[in-house]
Amino acid sequence: MTTVDLPLLPLGRGTDLATERGVECPGDLPAPSDPDLVERVRAAKEALGDRVFVLGHHYQRDEVIRFADVTGDSFKLARDAAARPEAEYIVFCGVHFMAESADILTAPQQMVVLPDLAAGCSMADMARLAQVEDCWDALAGAGIAESVVPITYMNSSADIKAFCGRHGGAVCTSSNADVALEWAFSQRPEATVLFLPDQHLGRNTAVLKLGLGLDDCVVWDPRRPDGGVSAEALAAARMILWKGHCSVHGRFSAEVVDELRATKPGIRILVHPECTHDVVTRADLVGSTEFIIKTIEAAPAGSKWAVGTELNLVQRLAREHPEQEIVFLDRNVCYCSTMNRIDLPHLVWALESLVDGVVVNRVSVDPDTEHHAKIALQRMLDLPGRSHRG
């Protein structure tokens, strides 16, 4: 992640961040790729026609997302891909766990391509299957495993989703985490939830949506013996939070929220629930990526917003809504470094390879993992009364 300290100033109105701030900004992305690459993407897509379906996550670079057939959050995109069975190739401009989810939900004959296999997710990488299995063994040793229901955030690897499927758990998104937790607590008498891999989403949902106390939550640290939690503390907890976080959303601070309120009267704070608890409790509105987008789209002209989510999206919203004042909720330029690995050169290479009949960077989930991950995903889909968008 590349950052640089800058003053908090409005974004957008058709300019890039460095131009807007009047500085040469080492945190900015390179200029969009040359017109030759743009034309090559167009030509490759035209040659492939309906055989290819390009998905673009909201956090992608503008130069890439302009070529997406659909845009959205990770789960929406995976379901959109499943709804296009005629597409032989699914090119996912996002990160690795998203491509895995697309492979799980699409038909066996469809092939999912990730233009750069280095596009991972630091949060998803914070919960490895061997670590989670060690945690489960410790819960069994503490005599509570039978009452624990594992819930994993969509932002997790396929094998963690499959672990939850095997152990009676489910997947959730940031918009239905409260419904998923309510379901989990209803599954067993005196149930405890093991929430993977984002501690902040788990804590914020449990405390702010379900009314649990902070002392009902303990944090399991996979790098410490027995997670750094005593058997007595595990037995008393309602929520066992995995020590994981988003490297972008975890950067936003209560200090900056307070500073903005003091210097910009009338500003509203809009943040993602992956932010830390002290930021979320200071915000005016908290919600998923789709919620953030819809909130800005519906806001009146002249309104002021500080948005706590990935900077590519915040800049895009600012450019699309010049009638509002939109600032990034940080002093630093902070893109998701792994999302930004998908660039035009990688997209050109992936698409032109498909034109030549060569499938590069295919992401494929093995049948056993896929089977149990689908169980956990289906349990989420069966949850009542909430859109499954994160």
Protein backbone atom coordinates (compact mmCIF):
# COMPACT_ATOMS: atom_id res chain seq x y z
CA MET A 1 0.00 0.00 0.00
CA THR A 2 1.43 3.36 -1.00
CA THR A 3 0.44 6.37 1.08
CA VAL A 4 1.36 10.03 1.33
CA ASP A 5 0.18 12.63 3.83
CA LEU A 6 -2.06 15.27 2.27
CA PRO A 7 -4.59 17.83 3.53
CA LEU A 8 -8.24 16.85 3.53
CA LEU A 9 -9.70 18.48 0.43
CA PRO A 10 -12.62 17.76 -1.91
CA LEU A 11 -12.18 15.24 -4.71
CA GLY A 12 -13.63 15.12 -8.15
CA ARG A 13 -15.15 17.60 -10.61
CA GLY A 14 -13.41 15.89 -13.48
CA THR A 15 -9.84 16.06 -12.21
CA ASP A 16 -7.50 13.46 -10.82
CA LEU A 17 -6.39 13.57 -7.21
CA ALA A 18 -2.95 15.06 -7.82
CA THR A 19 -4.32 17.85 -10.01
CA GLU A 20 -7.11 18.61 -7.52
CA ARG A 21 -4.65 18.99 -4.67
CA GLY A 22 -2.06 20.83 -6.72
CA VAL A 23 0.76 18.45 -5.83
CA GLU A 24 2.81 15.74 -7.45
CA CYS A 25 1.41 12.81 -5.53
CA PRO A 26 3.45 9.59 -5.31
CA GLY A 27 0.37 7.80 -3.97
CA ASP A 28 -1.56 8.32 -7.20
CA LEU A 29 -1.98 5.58 -9.74
CA PRO A 30 -0.12 5.85 -13.05
CA ALA A 31 -1.84 7.68 -15.86
CA PRO A 32 -4.33 5.53 -17.81
CA SER A 33 -2.71 3.20 -20.29
CA ASP A 34 -2.10 4.36 -23.84
CA PRO A 35 -4.85 4.39 -26.46
CA ASP A 36 -3.36 1.35 -28.19
CA LEU A 37 -4.18 -0.82 -25.16
CA VAL A 38 -7.67 0.62 -24.98
CA GLU A 39 -8.27 -0.34 -28.60
CA ARG A 40 -6.82 -3.81 -28.05
CA VAL A 41 -9.25 -4.48 -25.21
CA ARG A 42 -12.15 -3.36 -27.40
CA ALA A 43 -10.99 -5.53 -30.27
CA ALA A 44 -10.51 -8.61 -28.08
CA LYS A 45 -13.94 -8.22 -26.47
CA GLU A 46 -15.53 -7.81 -29.87
CA ALA A 47 -13.78 -10.91 -31.19
CA LEU A 48 -14.92 -12.99 -28.22
CA GLY A 49 -18.48 -11.65 -28.24
CA ASP A 50 -20.89 -13.47 -25.93
CA ARG A 51 -18.22 -16.05 -25.13
CA VAL A 52 -16.72 -13.64 -22.57
CA PHE A 53 -18.33 -11.81 -19.65
CA VAL A 54 -16.20 -9.21 -17.85
CA LEU A 55 -16.95 -8.42 -14.20
CA GLY A 56 -15.64 -5.27 -12.52
CA HIS A 57 -15.61 -4.72 -8.77
CA HIS A 58 -16.38 -1.19 -7.55
CA TYR A 59 -12.81 -0.78 -6.26
CA GLN A 60 -11.18 -1.32 -9.65
CA ARG A 61 -9.29 1.36 -11.56
CA ASP A 62 -11.39 3.48 -13.91
CA GLU A 63 -9.34 2.34 -16.90
CA VAL A 64 -10.38 -1.24 -16.19
CA ILE A 65 -13.93 -0.83 -14.94
CA ARG A 66 -14.93 0.99 -18.14
CA PHE A 67 -14.71 -2.38 -19.91
CA ALA A 68 -16.80 -4.32 -17.38
CA ASP A 69 -20.08 -5.73 -18.62
CA VAL A 70 -21.42 -5.40 -15.07
CA THR A 71 -20.07 -3.72 -11.93
CA GLY A 72 -20.87 -4.43 -8.31
CA ASP A 73 -19.71 -5.98 -5.06
CA SER A 74 -18.16 -9.43 -4.97
CA PHE A 75 -21.28 -11.52 -4.35
CA LYS A 76 -23.47 -9.62 -6.81
CA LEU A 77 -20.84 -10.13 -9.50
CA ALA A 78 -20.53 -13.85 -8.80
CA ARG A 79 -24.31 -14.23 -9.11
CA ASP A 80 -24.34 -12.13 -12.29
CA ALA A 81 -21.78 -14.52 -13.76
CA ALA A 82 -23.92 -17.52 -12.80
CA ALA A 83 -26.83 -15.90 -14.62
CA ARG A 84 -24.86 -15.89 -17.89
CA PRO A 85 -24.44 -19.60 -18.69
CA GLU A 86 -23.75 -18.80 -22.36
CA ALA A 87 -20.48 -17.09 -21.37
CA GLU A 88 -17.66 -19.58 -21.77
CA TYR A 89 -15.17 -17.27 -20.06
CA ILE A 90 -15.74 -15.15 -16.94
CA VAL A 91 -13.01 -12.52 -16.61
CA PHE A 92 -13.16 -11.23 -13.04
CA CYS A 93 -11.53 -7.85 -12.47
CA GLY A 94 -11.30 -8.08 -8.71
CA VAL A 95 -9.31 -10.26 -6.30
CA HIS A 96 -8.75 -13.97 -5.83
CA PHE A 97 -11.53 -14.86 -3.36
CA MET A 98 -14.03 -13.17 -5.70
CA ALA A 99 -12.90 -15.30 -8.63
CA GLU A 100 -13.22 -18.40 -6.42
CA SER A 101 -16.80 -17.44 -5.55
CA ALA A 102 -17.59 -16.98 -9.23
CA ASP A 103 -16.17 -20.42 -10.00
CA ILE A 104 -18.26 -21.97 -7.20
CA LEU A 105 -21.49 -20.40 -8.44
CA THR A 106 -21.03 -20.81 -12.20
CA ALA A 107 -21.56 -23.92 -14.31
CA PRO A 108 -18.77 -26.52 -14.64
CA GLN A 109 -18.13 -25.69 -18.30
CA GLN A 110 -17.54 -22.00 -17.53
CA MET A 111 -13.95 -20.91 -16.88
CA VAL A 112 -13.09 -18.06 -14.52
CA VAL A 113 -10.02 -15.95 -15.30
CA LEU A 114 -8.29 -13.51 -12.93
CA PRO A 115 -6.09 -11.21 -15.05
CA ASP A 116 -3.40 -11.06 -12.35
CA LEU A 117 -3.11 -13.94 -9.88
CA ALA A 118 -1.25 -11.63 -7.49
CA ALA A 119 -4.52 -9.76 -6.91
CA GLY A 120 -5.32 -11.23 -3.54
CA CYS A 121 -6.98 -9.90 -0.39
CA SER A 122 -4.98 -9.32 2.77
CA MET A 123 -8.08 -9.84 4.92
CA ALA A 124 -8.89 -13.19 3.33
CA ASP A 125 -5.25 -14.22 3.76
CA MET A 126 -5.46 -13.56 7.53
CA ALA A 127 -7.56 -16.72 8.02
CA ARG A 128 -5.83 -19.85 6.72
CA LEU A 129 -7.60 -23.20 6.85
CA ALA A 130 -4.95 -24.82 9.06
CA GLN A 131 -5.22 -21.92 11.52
CA VAL A 132 -9.02 -22.16 11.64
CA GLU A 133 -8.85 -25.92 12.17
CA ASP A 134 -6.41 -25.35 15.06
CA CYS A 135 -8.88 -22.87 16.53
CA TRP A 136 -11.70 -25.39 16.22
CA ASP A 137 -9.57 -27.99 18.00
CA ALA A 138 -9.02 -25.50 20.83
CA LEU A 139 -12.77 -24.85 21.03
CA ALA A 140 -13.30 -28.61 21.28
CA GLY A 141 -10.68 -28.77 24.00
CA ALA A 142 -12.53 -26.04 25.89
CA GLY A 143 -15.70 -28.12 25.59
CA ILE A 144 -17.67 -25.60 23.55
CA ALA A 145 -17.21 -26.62 19.89
CA GLU A 146 -20.64 -28.26 19.77
CA SER A 147 -22.30 -24.94 20.56
CA VAL A 148 -20.20 -22.84 18.15
CA VAL A 149 -21.62 -21.76 14.77
CA PRO A 150 -19.00 -20.46 12.32
CA ILE A 151 -19.95 -17.50 10.13
CA THR A 152 -17.54 -16.27 7.49
CA TYR A 153 -17.64 -12.99 5.66
CA MET A 154 -17.83 -13.21 1.87
CA ASN A 155 -14.28 -11.80 1.87
CA SER A 156 -12.72 -15.16 2.66
CA SER A 157 -11.14 -18.01 0.74
CA ALA A 158 -13.16 -20.90 -0.66
CA ASP A 159 -11.74 -23.35 1.85
CA ILE A 160 -12.88 -21.16 4.77
CA LYS A 161 -16.38 -21.01 3.27
CA ALA A 162 -16.22 -24.80 2.94
CA PHE A 163 -15.12 -25.12 6.58
CA CYS A 164 -18.24 -23.23 7.62
CA GLY A 165 -20.35 -25.44 5.39
CA ARG A 166 -18.95 -28.57 7.02
CA HIS A 167 -19.54 -27.26 10.55
CA GLY A 168 -23.11 -26.02 10.25
CA GLY A 169 -22.23 -22.43 9.50
CA ALA A 170 -22.89 -19.92 6.74
CA VAL A 171 -21.49 -17.06 4.70
CA CYS A 172 -22.58 -13.44 5.13
CA THR A 173 -22.10 -10.13 3.37
CA SER A 174 -21.71 -6.72 4.98
CA SER A 175 -25.37 -5.98 4.32
CA ASN A 176 -26.84 -9.14 5.87
CA ALA A 177 -24.33 -9.90 8.65
CA ASP A 178 -26.94 -9.09 11.31
CA VAL A 179 -29.44 -11.53 9.80
CA ALA A 180 -26.70 -14.18 9.57
CA LEU A 181 -25.79 -13.69 13.24
CA GLU A 182 -29.42 -13.87 14.32
CA TRP A 183 -29.72 -17.12 12.36
CA ALA A 184 -26.55 -18.49 13.95
CA PHE A 185 -27.69 -17.72 17.49
CA SER A 186 -30.97 -19.51 16.76
CA GLN A 187 -29.28 -22.73 15.68
CA ARG A 188 -28.18 -24.09 19.06
CA PRO A 189 -28.98 -23.48 22.71
CA GLU A 190 -26.52 -20.96 24.17
CA ALA A 191 -24.85 -20.65 20.77
CA THR A 192 -21.55 -18.88 20.31
CA VAL A 193 -20.49 -17.47 16.94
CA LEU A 194 -16.99 -17.82 15.51
CA PHE A 195 -16.82 -14.89 13.08
CA LEU A 196 -14.24 -15.01 10.27
CA PRO A 197 -12.08 -13.25 9.13
CA ASP A 198 -12.95 -9.57 9.85
CA GLN A 199 -13.13 -8.74 13.53
CA HIS A 200 -14.50 -5.24 12.88
CA LEU A 201 -17.54 -6.31 10.86
CA GLY A 202 -18.28 -8.96 13.47
CA ARG A 203 -17.93 -6.59 16.42
CA ASN A 204 -19.84 -3.73 14.80
CA THR A 205 -22.70 -6.01 13.81
CA ALA A 206 -22.95 -7.76 17.17
CA VAL A 207 -22.86 -4.56 19.22
CA LEU A 208 -24.67 -2.04 17.02
CA LYS A 209 -27.22 -4.29 15.34
CA LEU A 210 -27.84 -7.12 17.84
CA GLY A 211 -27.29 -5.18 21.07
CA LEU A 212 -24.50 -7.33 22.48
CA GLY A 213 -21.85 -5.71 24.65
CA LEU A 214 -18.20 -5.33 23.83
CA ASP A 215 -17.49 -7.67 26.73
CA ASP A 216 -19.50 -10.38 24.95
CA CYS A 217 -16.74 -10.48 22.32
CA VAL A 218 -13.27 -11.99 22.49
CA VAL A 219 -10.61 -11.86 19.79
CA TRP A 220 -8.88 -15.02 18.63
CA ASP A 221 -5.33 -14.27 17.47
CA PRO A 222 -4.05 -17.20 15.36
CA ARG A 223 -0.46 -16.09 15.92
CA ARG A 224 -0.65 -16.64 19.68
CA PRO A 225 -0.84 -19.93 21.60
CA ASP A 226 -4.49 -20.89 22.12
CA GLY A 227 -5.44 -17.70 20.30
CA GLY A 228 -4.41 -15.65 23.31
CA VAL A 229 -7.77 -16.47 24.93
CA SER A 230 -8.33 -18.60 28.01
CA ALA A 231 -10.77 -21.51 27.97
CA GLU A 232 -12.87 -19.64 30.55
CA ALA A 233 -13.07 -16.53 28.33
CA LEU A 234 -14.04 -18.66 25.33
CA ALA A 235 -16.80 -20.35 27.31
CA ALA A 236 -18.19 -16.98 28.46
CA ALA A 237 -18.09 -15.29 25.03
CA ARG A 238 -21.04 -14.88 22.67
CA MET A 239 -18.79 -13.81 19.78
CA ILE A 240 -15.33 -15.16 19.02
CA LEU A 241 -13.85 -12.68 16.56
CA TRP A 242 -10.99 -13.75 14.30
CA LYS A 243 -8.13 -11.24 14.42
CA GLY A 244 -8.38 -10.07 10.81
CA HIS A 245 -9.12 -6.74 9.21
CA CYS A 246 -9.24 -4.85 5.92
CA SER A 247 -5.97 -3.01 5.30
CA VAL A 248 -7.87 -0.09 3.74
CA HIS A 249 -10.90 0.28 6.01
CA GLY A 250 -8.79 -0.28 9.11
CA ARG A 251 -6.83 2.90 8.38
CA PHE A 252 -9.68 5.35 8.97
CA SER A 253 -9.44 7.04 12.35
CA ALA A 254 -11.73 8.67 14.89
CA GLU A 255 -9.29 11.58 15.01
CA VAL A 256 -9.96 12.47 11.37
CA VAL A 257 -13.73 12.13 11.89
CA ASP A 258 -13.53 14.60 14.78
CA GLU A 259 -11.31 16.94 12.76
CA LEU A 260 -13.73 16.98 9.83
CA ARG A 261 -16.71 17.69 12.05
CA ALA A 262 -14.82 20.62 13.57
CA THR A 263 -13.60 22.10 10.28
CA LYS A 264 -16.50 21.32 7.91
CA PRO A 265 -19.83 22.14 9.58
CA GLY A 266 -22.68 20.06 8.24
CA ILE A 267 -20.51 17.28 6.84
CA ARG A 268 -21.91 13.75 7.11
CA ILE A 269 -19.71 10.74 7.75
CA LEU A 270 -20.49 7.67 5.62
CA VAL A 271 -18.44 4.54 6.27
CA HIS A 272 -18.22 0.83 5.59
CA PRO A 273 -18.75 -1.56 8.55
CA GLU A 274 -15.25 -2.97 8.03
CA CYS A 275 -14.02 0.23 9.73
CA THR A 276 -12.96 0.12 13.38
CA HIS A 277 -15.60 0.38 16.09
CA ASP A 278 -14.62 3.88 17.18
CA VAL A 279 -14.98 5.16 13.60
CA VAL A 280 -18.31 3.41 13.02
CA THR A 281 -19.78 4.74 16.26
CA ARG A 282 -18.87 8.30 15.22
CA ALA A 283 -20.35 7.96 11.72
CA ASP A 284 -23.75 9.23 10.58
CA LEU A 285 -24.37 6.30 8.24
CA VAL A 286 -22.80 2.84 8.03
CA GLY A 287 -23.33 0.36 5.23
CA SER A 288 -22.07 -1.85 2.46
CA THR A 289 -20.41 -0.66 -0.72
CA GLU A 290 -23.73 -0.71 -2.53
CA PHE A 291 -25.33 1.23 0.34
CA ILE A 292 -22.61 3.88 0.12
CA ILE A 293 -23.14 4.28 -3.62
CA LYS A 294 -26.91 4.54 -3.34
CA THR A 295 -26.65 7.02 -0.46
CA ILE A 296 -24.47 9.38 -2.50
CA GLU A 297 -26.65 8.96 -5.58
CA ALA A 298 -29.73 9.97 -3.58
CA ALA A 299 -28.12 12.85 -1.68
CA PRO A 300 -29.18 16.43 -2.47
CA ALA A 301 -26.99 18.97 -4.24
CA GLY A 302 -24.82 20.93 -1.84
CA SER A 303 -24.53 18.11 0.68
CA LYS A 304 -21.13 17.36 2.21
CA TRP A 305 -19.79 13.87 2.70
CA ALA A 306 -16.67 12.22 4.10
CA VAL A 307 -16.62 8.66 2.80
CA GLY A 308 -14.70 5.86 4.48
CA THR A 309 -14.12 3.21 1.83
CA GLU A 310 -11.64 2.41 -0.96
CA LEU A 311 -10.31 5.51 -2.73
CA ASN A 312 -10.98 4.45 -6.34
CA LEU A 313 -14.69 4.34 -5.51
CA VAL A 314 -14.65 7.60 -3.54
CA GLN A 315 -12.94 9.42 -6.42
CA ARG A 316 -15.42 7.96 -8.90
CA LEU A 317 -18.38 9.07 -6.78
CA ALA A 318 -16.90 12.56 -6.48
CA ARG A 319 -16.47 12.86 -10.25
CA GLU A 320 -19.98 11.60 -10.92
CA HIS A 321 -21.54 13.95 -8.35
CA PRO A 322 -19.85 17.37 -8.69
CA GLU A 323 -22.96 18.95 -7.17
CA GLN A 324 -21.87 17.52 -3.79
CA GLU A 325 -18.70 18.01 -1.77
CA ILE A 326 -17.09 14.61 -1.22
CA VAL A 327 -13.87 14.03 0.70
CA PHE A 328 -11.94 10.89 1.48
CA LEU A 329 -11.98 9.99 5.18
CA ASP A 330 -8.21 9.95 5.57
CA ARG A 331 -5.23 12.24 5.30
CA ASN A 332 -3.48 9.66 3.16
CA VAL A 333 -3.93 8.53 -0.41
CA CYS A 334 -4.76 4.88 0.17
CA TYR A 335 -5.79 2.53 -2.63
CA CYS A 336 -6.32 -1.19 -2.20
CA SER A 337 -2.96 -2.30 -3.53
CA THR A 338 -4.13 -5.78 -4.55
CA MET A 339 -7.27 -4.54 -6.31
CA ASN A 340 -5.05 -2.18 -8.28
CA ARG A 341 -2.96 -5.03 -9.65
CA ILE A 342 -5.61 -5.51 -12.31
CA ASP A 343 -4.58 -2.97 -14.95
CA LEU A 344 -5.07 -2.62 -18.70
CA PRO A 345 -1.90 -4.54 -19.67
CA HIS A 346 -3.10 -7.55 -17.64
CA LEU A 347 -6.63 -7.27 -19.02
CA VAL A 348 -5.31 -7.06 -22.59
CA TRP A 349 -3.12 -10.12 -22.04
CA ALA A 350 -5.97 -12.16 -20.55
CA LEU A 351 -8.46 -11.27 -23.29
CA GLU A 352 -6.06 -11.63 -26.22
CA SER A 353 -4.96 -15.00 -24.86
CA LEU A 354 -8.59 -16.13 -24.89
CA VAL A 355 -8.93 -14.92 -28.48
CA ASP A 356 -5.94 -17.15 -29.29
CA GLY A 357 -7.61 -20.10 -27.55
CA VAL A 358 -5.33 -20.01 -24.49
CA VAL A 359 -6.92 -19.79 -21.03
CA VAL A 360 -4.52 -18.00 -18.67
CA ASN A 361 -4.80 -17.55 -14.89
CA ARG A 362 -7.81 -19.81 -14.53
CA VAL A 363 -9.16 -19.93 -10.98
CA SER A 364 -10.70 -23.33 -10.22
CA VAL A 365 -12.03 -24.63 -6.91
CA ASP A 366 -11.78 -28.38 -6.28
CA PRO A 367 -15.09 -30.31 -6.16
CA ASP A 368 -15.07 -31.13 -2.43
CA THR A 369 -14.33 -27.55 -1.41
CA GLU A 370 -16.91 -26.28 -3.89
CA HIS A 371 -19.57 -28.64 -2.51
CA HIS A 372 -19.21 -27.53 1.11
CA ALA A 373 -18.72 -23.85 0.21
CA LYS A 374 -21.99 -24.00 -1.73
CA ILE A 375 -23.72 -25.34 1.38
CA ALA A 376 -22.57 -22.31 3.37
CA LEU A 377 -23.53 -19.94 0.55
CA GLN A 378 -26.96 -21.54 0.21
CA ARG A 379 -27.59 -21.09 3.92
CA MET A 380 -26.94 -17.40 3.40
CA LEU A 381 -29.29 -17.29 0.42
CA ASP A 382 -31.98 -18.92 2.55
CA LEU A 383 -31.76 -16.19 5.21
CA PRO A 384 -34.98 -14.18 5.44
CA GLY A 385 -35.65 -10.57 4.69
CA ARG A 386 -32.39 -9.00 3.49
CA SER A 387 -30.64 -8.34 0.21
CA HIS A 388 -27.51 -10.46 -0.12
CA ARG A 389 -25.25 -7.65 -1.27
CA GLY A 390 -22.04 -6.69 0.46
